[in-house]
Amino acid sequence: MSSIMIVRGVAVAVVCIVVLGAAVGAAAGPPTDQLKGGVERVLKALEDSGLKGEGRAAERRAAVRKVAQEIFDFPEMARRSLGRHWQTLTQKQREEFTGLFRDLLERAYVSRIEQYGGERISYLNERIDGDNATVGTRIVSKSGTEVPVDYRLLRNGARWLVYDVNIEGVSLVSNYRTQFNKIMQTSGYDDLIQRLRTKQGDLDTSDGSKDKKAAPAKK
């Protein structure tokens, strides 16, 4: 599964979204406002005294994961990540792939949030073109390193949801599409799904180990 860098690919994007709550810069429009609203809910979950501590890790992750579903358009990300291969899938296969892809991205989101290190972000611009929007930002680490990040959003009813993140000129969706396309062409859909399930199993084991270590000893 190393060829499919789910966690690594989304890591910077997650940090950027998390720190929107501490952002400075240009005046925000509806897309940015909604991102901020989502982030405020994430931070509220992280700061909830009832969810603090390793013993409440599972509940904390569930709360953050719920908010992630309100920020990202996971089905759209899944469709775009498969590119032309999406059209070759049955409805059942589309649902299967989307579910696995969504689960892995949500886990990456939660995992990275728990590593938040106080980075800051500045808004550079916001562009809206019909039902599409781009929010241009720059993230600044504590060491002063700057990373340009553009969020691409789609309007879904009254909401703006993130469907792609461009980090230093590299699109997350395009990166996934390149990796998935290679697997689909060389070994097919079943192998792609098996790789995703293997990664999911690895994460289940990892999360289980963390929760076991975090659980208080019985007296």
C-alpha atoms as a PDB file:
ATOM      1  CA  MET A   1       0.000   0.000   0.000  1.00  0.00           C
ATOM      2  CA  SER A   2       3.048   2.282   0.113  1.00  0.00           C
ATOM      3  CA  SER A   3       2.362   3.307  -3.475  1.00  0.00           C
ATOM      4  CA  ILE A   4      -0.922   4.807  -2.383  1.00  0.00           C
ATOM      5  CA  MET A   5       0.139   7.530   0.023  1.00  0.00           C
ATOM      6  CA  ILE A   6      -3.263   8.304   1.495  1.00  0.00           C
ATOM      7  CA  VAL A   7      -2.047   9.593   4.829  1.00  0.00           C
ATOM      8  CA  ARG A   8       1.040  11.349   3.523  1.00  0.00           C
ATOM      9  CA  GLY A   9      -0.824  13.020   0.688  1.00  0.00           C
ATOM     10  CA  VAL A  10      -3.529  14.580   2.811  1.00  0.00           C
ATOM     11  CA  ALA A  11      -1.336  15.532   5.787  1.00  0.00           C
ATOM     12  CA  VAL A  12      -0.397  19.080   4.782  1.00  0.00           C
ATOM     13  CA  ALA A  13      -3.918  19.808   3.591  1.00  0.00           C
ATOM     14  CA  VAL A  14      -5.335  18.840   6.948  1.00  0.00           C
ATOM     15  CA  VAL A  15      -2.923  21.064   8.842  1.00  0.00           C
ATOM     16  CA  CYS A  16      -3.908  23.967   6.629  1.00  0.00           C
ATOM     17  CA  ILE A  17      -7.599  23.421   7.240  1.00  0.00           C
ATOM     18  CA  VAL A  18      -7.100  23.047  10.973  1.00  0.00           C
ATOM     19  CA  VAL A  19      -5.291  26.355  11.310  1.00  0.00           C
ATOM     20  CA  LEU A  20      -7.893  28.363   9.436  1.00  0.00           C
ATOM     21  CA  GLY A  21      -9.306  29.146  12.843  1.00  0.00           C
ATOM     22  CA  ALA A  22      -6.133  31.124  13.625  1.00  0.00           C
ATOM     23  CA  ALA A  23      -5.864  32.783  10.235  1.00  0.00           C
ATOM     24  CA  VAL A  24      -5.129  36.344   9.204  1.00  0.00           C
ATOM     25  CA  GLY A  25      -5.329  38.119   5.880  1.00  0.00           C
ATOM     26  CA  ALA A  26      -7.818  39.026   3.172  1.00  0.00           C
ATOM     27  CA  ALA A  27     -11.528  39.490   3.739  1.00  0.00           C
ATOM     28  CA  ALA A  28     -13.405  36.215   3.423  1.00  0.00           C
ATOM     29  CA  GLY A  29     -16.355  35.322   1.211  1.00  0.00           C
ATOM     30  CA  PRO A  30     -18.883  32.473   1.588  1.00  0.00           C
ATOM     31  CA  PRO A  31     -16.451  29.604   0.767  1.00  0.00           C
ATOM     32  CA  THR A  32     -13.871  30.785   3.295  1.00  0.00           C
ATOM     33  CA  ASP A  33     -16.533  31.585   5.863  1.00  0.00           C
ATOM     34  CA  GLN A  34     -17.848  28.032   5.670  1.00  0.00           C
ATOM     35  CA  LEU A  35     -14.353  26.578   5.969  1.00  0.00           C
ATOM     36  CA  LYS A  36     -13.857  28.669   9.082  1.00  0.00           C
ATOM     37  CA  GLY A  37     -17.139  27.466  10.509  1.00  0.00           C
ATOM     38  CA  GLY A  38     -16.086  23.860  10.039  1.00  0.00           C
ATOM     39  CA  VAL A  39     -12.736  24.514  11.637  1.00  0.00           C
ATOM     40  CA  GLU A  40     -14.324  26.155  14.640  1.00  0.00           C
ATOM     41  CA  ARG A  41     -16.335  22.988  15.180  1.00  0.00           C
ATOM     42  CA  VAL A  42     -13.162  20.898  14.879  1.00  0.00           C
ATOM     43  CA  LEU A  43     -11.348  23.034  17.438  1.00  0.00           C
ATOM     44  CA  LYS A  44     -14.366  22.888  19.734  1.00  0.00           C
ATOM     45  CA  ALA A  45     -14.227  19.093  19.639  1.00  0.00           C
ATOM     46  CA  LEU A  46     -10.476  19.114  20.331  1.00  0.00           C
ATOM     47  CA  GLU A  47     -10.890  21.529  23.235  1.00  0.00           C
ATOM     48  CA  ASP A  48     -13.907  19.764  24.754  1.00  0.00           C
ATOM     49  CA  SER A  49     -12.800  18.893  28.287  1.00  0.00           C
ATOM     50  CA  GLY A  50     -15.062  15.861  28.204  1.00  0.00           C
ATOM     51  CA  LEU A  51     -13.113  14.451  25.244  1.00  0.00           C
ATOM     52  CA  LYS A  52      -9.590  15.182  26.448  1.00  0.00           C
ATOM     53  CA  GLY A  53      -7.163  12.487  27.492  1.00  0.00           C
ATOM     54  CA  GLU A  54      -5.996   9.290  25.810  1.00  0.00           C
ATOM     55  CA  GLY A  55      -8.864   7.367  27.348  1.00  0.00           C
ATOM     56  CA  ARG A  56     -11.338   9.403  25.280  1.00  0.00           C
ATOM     57  CA  ALA A  57      -9.375   9.179  22.030  1.00  0.00           C
ATOM     58  CA  ALA A  58     -12.004   7.130  20.194  1.00  0.00           C
ATOM     59  CA  GLU A  59     -14.805   9.552  21.077  1.00  0.00           C
ATOM     60  CA  ARG A  60     -12.652  12.548  20.190  1.00  0.00           C
ATOM     61  CA  ARG A  61     -11.779  11.064  16.806  1.00  0.00           C
ATOM     62  CA  ALA A  62     -15.438  10.309  16.108  1.00  0.00           C
ATOM     63  CA  ALA A  63     -16.411  13.912  16.865  1.00  0.00           C
ATOM     64  CA  VAL A  64     -13.684  15.313  14.609  1.00  0.00           C
ATOM     65  CA  ARG A  65     -14.490  12.816  11.873  1.00  0.00           C
ATOM     66  CA  LYS A  66     -18.108  13.953  11.874  1.00  0.00           C
ATOM     67  CA  VAL A  67     -17.017  17.537  11.265  1.00  0.00           C
ATOM     68  CA  ALA A  68     -14.653  16.408   8.491  1.00  0.00           C
ATOM     69  CA  GLN A  69     -17.686  15.093   6.635  1.00  0.00           C
ATOM     70  CA  GLU A  70     -19.071  18.624   6.698  1.00  0.00           C
ATOM     71  CA  ILE A  71     -15.878  20.154   5.242  1.00  0.00           C
ATOM     72  CA  PHE A  72     -14.882  17.708   2.489  1.00  0.00           C
ATOM     73  CA  ASP A  73     -16.866  16.438  -0.489  1.00  0.00           C
ATOM     74  CA  PHE A  74     -15.508  12.887  -0.231  1.00  0.00           C
ATOM     75  CA  PRO A  75     -17.702  11.401  -2.997  1.00  0.00           C
ATOM     76  CA  GLU A  76     -16.505  14.081  -5.419  1.00  0.00           C
ATOM     77  CA  MET A  77     -12.893  13.498  -4.389  1.00  0.00           C
ATOM     78  CA  ALA A  78     -13.340   9.765  -4.985  1.00  0.00           C
ATOM     79  CA  ARG A  79     -14.869  10.286  -8.433  1.00  0.00           C
ATOM     80  CA  ARG A  80     -12.164  12.675  -9.572  1.00  0.00           C
ATOM     81  CA  SER A  81      -9.402  10.510  -8.127  1.00  0.00           C
ATOM     82  CA  LEU A  82     -10.442   7.580 -10.310  1.00  0.00           C
ATOM     83  CA  GLY A  83     -10.712   9.777 -13.398  1.00  0.00           C
ATOM     84  CA  ARG A  84     -11.842   7.970 -16.561  1.00  0.00           C
ATOM     85  CA  HIS A  85     -11.965   4.649 -14.730  1.00  0.00           C
ATOM     86  CA  TRP A  86     -14.984   5.882 -12.761  1.00  0.00           C
ATOM     87  CA  GLN A  87     -17.137   5.461 -15.866  1.00  0.00           C
ATOM     88  CA  THR A  88     -16.212   1.770 -16.124  1.00  0.00           C
ATOM     89  CA  LEU A  89     -17.453   0.894 -12.651  1.00  0.00           C
ATOM     90  CA  THR A  90     -20.866  -0.405 -11.692  1.00  0.00           C
ATOM     91  CA  GLN A  91     -22.880   1.524  -9.128  1.00  0.00           C
ATOM     92  CA  LYS A  92     -21.997  -1.078  -6.506  1.00  0.00           C
ATOM     93  CA  GLN A  93     -18.279  -0.710  -7.279  1.00  0.00           C
ATOM     94  CA  ARG A  94     -18.514   3.072  -7.111  1.00  0.00           C
ATOM     95  CA  GLU A  95     -20.095   2.871  -3.686  1.00  0.00           C
ATOM     96  CA  GLU A  96     -17.490   0.348  -2.534  1.00  0.00           C
ATOM     97  CA  PHE A  97     -14.551   2.464  -3.705  1.00  0.00           C
ATOM     98  CA  THR A  98     -16.019   5.702  -2.369  1.00  0.00           C
ATOM     99  CA  GLY A  99     -16.608   4.136   1.049  1.00  0.00           C
ATOM    100  CA  LEU A 100     -13.038   2.864   1.367  1.00  0.00           C
ATOM    101  CA  PHE A 101     -11.465   6.039  -0.009  1.00  0.00           C
ATOM    102  CA  ARG A 102     -13.579   8.182   2.281  1.00  0.00           C
ATOM    103  CA  ASP A 103     -12.720   6.096   5.331  1.00  0.00           C
ATOM    104  CA  LEU A 104      -8.976   6.372   4.699  1.00  0.00           C
ATOM    105  CA  LEU A 105      -9.106  10.117   4.086  1.00  0.00           C
ATOM    106  CA  GLU A 106     -11.176  10.702   7.209  1.00  0.00           C
ATOM    107  CA  ARG A 107      -8.698   8.705   9.282  1.00  0.00           C
ATOM    108  CA  ALA A 108      -5.829  10.717   7.809  1.00  0.00           C
ATOM    109  CA  TYR A 109      -7.689  13.903   8.707  1.00  0.00           C
ATOM    110  CA  VAL A 110      -8.236  12.862  12.318  1.00  0.00           C
ATOM    111  CA  SER A 111      -4.686  11.548  12.717  1.00  0.00           C
ATOM    112  CA  ARG A 112      -3.132  14.765  11.438  1.00  0.00           C
ATOM    113  CA  ILE A 113      -5.343  17.002  13.538  1.00  0.00           C
ATOM    114  CA  GLU A 114      -4.081  15.263  16.657  1.00  0.00           C
ATOM    115  CA  GLN A 115      -0.569  16.358  15.610  1.00  0.00           C
ATOM    116  CA  TYR A 116      -1.493  20.021  15.169  1.00  0.00           C
ATOM    117  CA  GLY A 117       1.528  22.128  16.099  1.00  0.00           C
ATOM    118  CA  GLY A 118       0.321  25.732  16.072  1.00  0.00           C
ATOM    119  CA  GLU A 119       0.905  26.603  12.396  1.00  0.00           C
ATOM    120  CA  ARG A 120      -0.683  29.787  11.054  1.00  0.00           C
ATOM    121  CA  ILE A 121      -2.265  30.696   7.746  1.00  0.00           C
ATOM    122  CA  SER A 122      -2.848  33.835   5.693  1.00  0.00           C
ATOM    123  CA  TYR A 123      -5.569  34.257   3.090  1.00  0.00           C
ATOM    124  CA  LEU A 124      -4.262  35.524  -0.213  1.00  0.00           C
ATOM    125  CA  ASN A 125      -7.406  35.554  -2.327  1.00  0.00           C
ATOM    126  CA  GLU A 126     -10.748  33.986  -3.008  1.00  0.00           C
ATOM    127  CA  ARG A 127     -12.142  33.367  -6.485  1.00  0.00           C
ATOM    128  CA  ILE A 128     -15.690  32.250  -7.266  1.00  0.00           C
ATOM    129  CA  ASP A 129     -16.784  31.102 -10.718  1.00  0.00           C
ATOM    130  CA  GLY A 130     -20.343  29.824 -10.702  1.00  0.00           C
ATOM    131  CA  ASP A 131     -20.451  26.714  -8.527  1.00  0.00           C
ATOM    132  CA  ASN A 132     -16.653  26.529  -8.267  1.00  0.00           C
ATOM    133  CA  ALA A 133     -14.410  28.421  -5.886  1.00  0.00           C
ATOM    134  CA  THR A 134     -10.742  28.579  -4.991  1.00  0.00           C
ATOM    135  CA  VAL A 135      -9.420  29.906  -1.699  1.00  0.00           C
ATOM    136  CA  GLY A 136      -5.740  30.804  -1.957  1.00  0.00           C
ATOM    137  CA  THR A 137      -3.767  30.637   1.274  1.00  0.00           C
ATOM    138  CA  ARG A 138      -0.241  30.475   2.650  1.00  0.00           C
ATOM    139  CA  ILE A 139       0.621  28.377   5.696  1.00  0.00           C
ATOM    140  CA  VAL A 140       3.498  29.426   7.930  1.00  0.00           C
ATOM    141  CA  SER A 141       5.132  26.968  10.316  1.00  0.00           C
ATOM    142  CA  LYS A 142       6.675  27.899  13.641  1.00  0.00           C
ATOM    143  CA  SER A 143      10.104  27.813  11.976  1.00  0.00           C
ATOM    144  CA  GLY A 144       8.943  30.351   9.384  1.00  0.00           C
ATOM    145  CA  THR A 145       8.625  27.956   6.449  1.00  0.00           C
ATOM    146  CA  GLU A 146       5.907  29.078   4.029  1.00  0.00           C
ATOM    147  CA  VAL A 147       3.755  26.712   1.966  1.00  0.00           C
ATOM    148  CA  PRO A 148       1.226  27.981  -0.627  1.00  0.00           C
ATOM    149  CA  VAL A 149      -2.032  26.050  -0.519  1.00  0.00           C
ATOM    150  CA  ASP A 150      -5.130  26.472  -2.691  1.00  0.00           C
ATOM    151  CA  TYR A 151      -8.441  24.924  -1.680  1.00  0.00           C
ATOM    152  CA  ARG A 152     -10.846  24.034  -4.465  1.00  0.00           C
ATOM    153  CA  LEU A 153     -14.482  23.878  -3.523  1.00  0.00           C
ATOM    154  CA  LEU A 154     -17.801  23.012  -5.129  1.00  0.00           C
ATOM    155  CA  ARG A 155     -21.154  24.483  -4.202  1.00  0.00           C
ATOM    156  CA  ASN A 156     -23.536  21.792  -3.001  1.00  0.00           C
ATOM    157  CA  GLY A 157     -26.844  23.463  -2.331  1.00  0.00           C
ATOM    158  CA  ALA A 158     -26.102  26.188   0.191  1.00  0.00           C
ATOM    159  CA  ARG A 159     -22.749  24.722   1.186  1.00  0.00           C
ATOM    160  CA  TRP A 160     -19.219  24.957  -0.202  1.00  0.00           C
ATOM    161  CA  LEU A 161     -17.258  21.710   0.180  1.00  0.00           C
ATOM    162  CA  VAL A 162     -13.561  21.015  -0.431  1.00  0.00           C
ATOM    163  CA  TYR A 163     -12.957  18.543  -3.264  1.00  0.00           C
ATOM    164  CA  ASP A 164      -9.254  19.152  -3.896  1.00  0.00           C
ATOM    165  CA  VAL A 165      -6.236  20.795  -2.294  1.00  0.00           C
ATOM    166  CA  ASN A 166      -3.307  22.123  -4.295  1.00  0.00           C
ATOM    167  CA  ILE A 167      -0.099  22.174  -2.234  1.00  0.00           C
ATOM    168  CA  GLU A 168       2.864  24.008  -3.752  1.00  0.00           C
ATOM    169  CA  GLY A 169       1.381  23.465  -7.202  1.00  0.00           C
ATOM    170  CA  VAL A 170       0.603  19.765  -6.679  1.00  0.00           C
ATOM    171  CA  SER A 171      -3.037  18.653  -6.647  1.00  0.00           C
ATOM    172  CA  LEU A 172      -3.946  15.940  -4.138  1.00  0.00           C
ATOM    173  CA  VAL A 173      -6.659  14.587  -6.418  1.00  0.00           C
ATOM    174  CA  SER A 174      -4.299  14.518  -9.406  1.00  0.00           C
ATOM    175  CA  ASN A 175      -1.713  12.718  -7.289  1.00  0.00           C
ATOM    176  CA  TYR A 176      -4.212  10.053  -6.259  1.00  0.00           C
ATOM    177  CA  ARG A 177      -5.482   9.778  -9.835  1.00  0.00           C
ATOM    178  CA  THR A 178      -1.972   9.058 -11.110  1.00  0.00           C
ATOM    179  CA  GLN A 179      -1.460   6.319  -8.504  1.00  0.00           C
ATOM    180  CA  PHE A 180      -4.915   4.776  -8.958  1.00  0.00           C
ATOM    181  CA  ASN A 181      -4.646   4.910 -12.743  1.00  0.00           C
ATOM    182  CA  LYS A 182      -1.399   2.930 -12.666  1.00  0.00           C
ATOM    183  CA  ILE A 183      -2.983   0.220 -10.529  1.00  0.00           C
ATOM    184  CA  MET A 184      -6.160   0.095 -12.608  1.00  0.00           C
ATOM    185  CA  GLN A 185      -4.159  -0.283 -15.812  1.00  0.00           C
ATOM    186  CA  THR A 186      -1.723  -2.895 -14.527  1.00  0.00           C
ATOM    187  CA  SER A 187      -3.804  -5.057 -12.202  1.00  0.00           C
ATOM    188  CA  GLY A 188      -7.373  -3.754 -12.242  1.00  0.00           C
ATOM    189  CA  TYR A 189     -10.110  -2.685  -9.882  1.00  0.00           C
ATOM    190  CA  ASP A 190     -10.043  -5.743  -7.628  1.00  0.00           C
ATOM    191  CA  ASP A 191      -6.363  -5.182  -6.808  1.00  0.00           C
ATOM    192  CA  LEU A 192      -6.986  -1.504  -6.060  1.00  0.00           C
ATOM    193  CA  ILE A 193      -9.767  -2.428  -3.654  1.00  0.00           C
ATOM    194  CA  GLN A 194      -7.600  -5.085  -2.014  1.00  0.00           C
ATOM    195  CA  ARG A 195      -4.838  -2.528  -1.460  1.00  0.00           C
ATOM    196  CA  LEU A 196      -7.291  -0.091   0.086  1.00  0.00           C
ATOM    197  CA  ARG A 197      -8.699  -2.816   2.340  1.00  0.00           C
ATOM    198  CA  THR A 198      -5.194  -3.819   3.393  1.00  0.00           C
ATOM    199  CA  LYS A 199      -4.439  -0.240   4.358  1.00  0.00           C
ATOM    200  CA  GLN A 200      -7.740  -0.046   6.216  1.00  0.00           C
ATOM    201  CA  GLY A 201      -6.831  -3.200   8.135  1.00  0.00           C
ATOM    202  CA  ASP A 202      -3.428  -1.779   9.029  1.00  0.00           C
ATOM    203  CA  LEU A 203      -5.129   1.337  10.411  1.00  0.00           C
ATOM    204  CA  ASP A 204      -7.632  -0.774  12.374  1.00  0.00           C
ATOM    205  CA  THR A 205      -4.712  -2.581  14.009  1.00  0.00           C
ATOM    206  CA  SER A 206      -2.895   0.669  14.707  1.00  0.00           C
ATOM    207  CA  ASP A 207      -5.964   2.348  16.199  1.00  0.00           C
ATOM    208  CA  GLY A 208      -6.674  -0.722  18.308  1.00  0.00           C
ATOM    209  CA  SER A 209      -3.152  -0.703  19.711  1.00  0.00           C
ATOM    210  CA  LYS A 210      -3.390   2.995  20.560  1.00  0.00           C
ATOM    211  CA  ASP A 211      -6.722   2.561  22.298  1.00  0.00           C
ATOM    212  CA  LYS A 212      -5.421  -0.451  24.245  1.00  0.00           C
ATOM    213  CA  LYS A 213      -2.420   1.506  25.464  1.00  0.00           C
ATOM    214  CA  ALA A 214      -4.638   4.472  26.317  1.00  0.00           C
ATOM    215  CA  ALA A 215      -7.135   2.431  28.329  1.00  0.00           C
ATOM    216  CA  PRO A 216      -6.673   2.745  32.099  1.00  0.00           C
ATOM    217  CA  ALA A 217      -5.527  -0.406  33.868  1.00  0.00           C
ATOM    218  CA  LYS A 218      -8.239  -2.340  35.698  1.00  0.00           C
ATOM    219  CA  LYS A 219      -7.835  -2.648  39.408  1.00  0.00           C
END
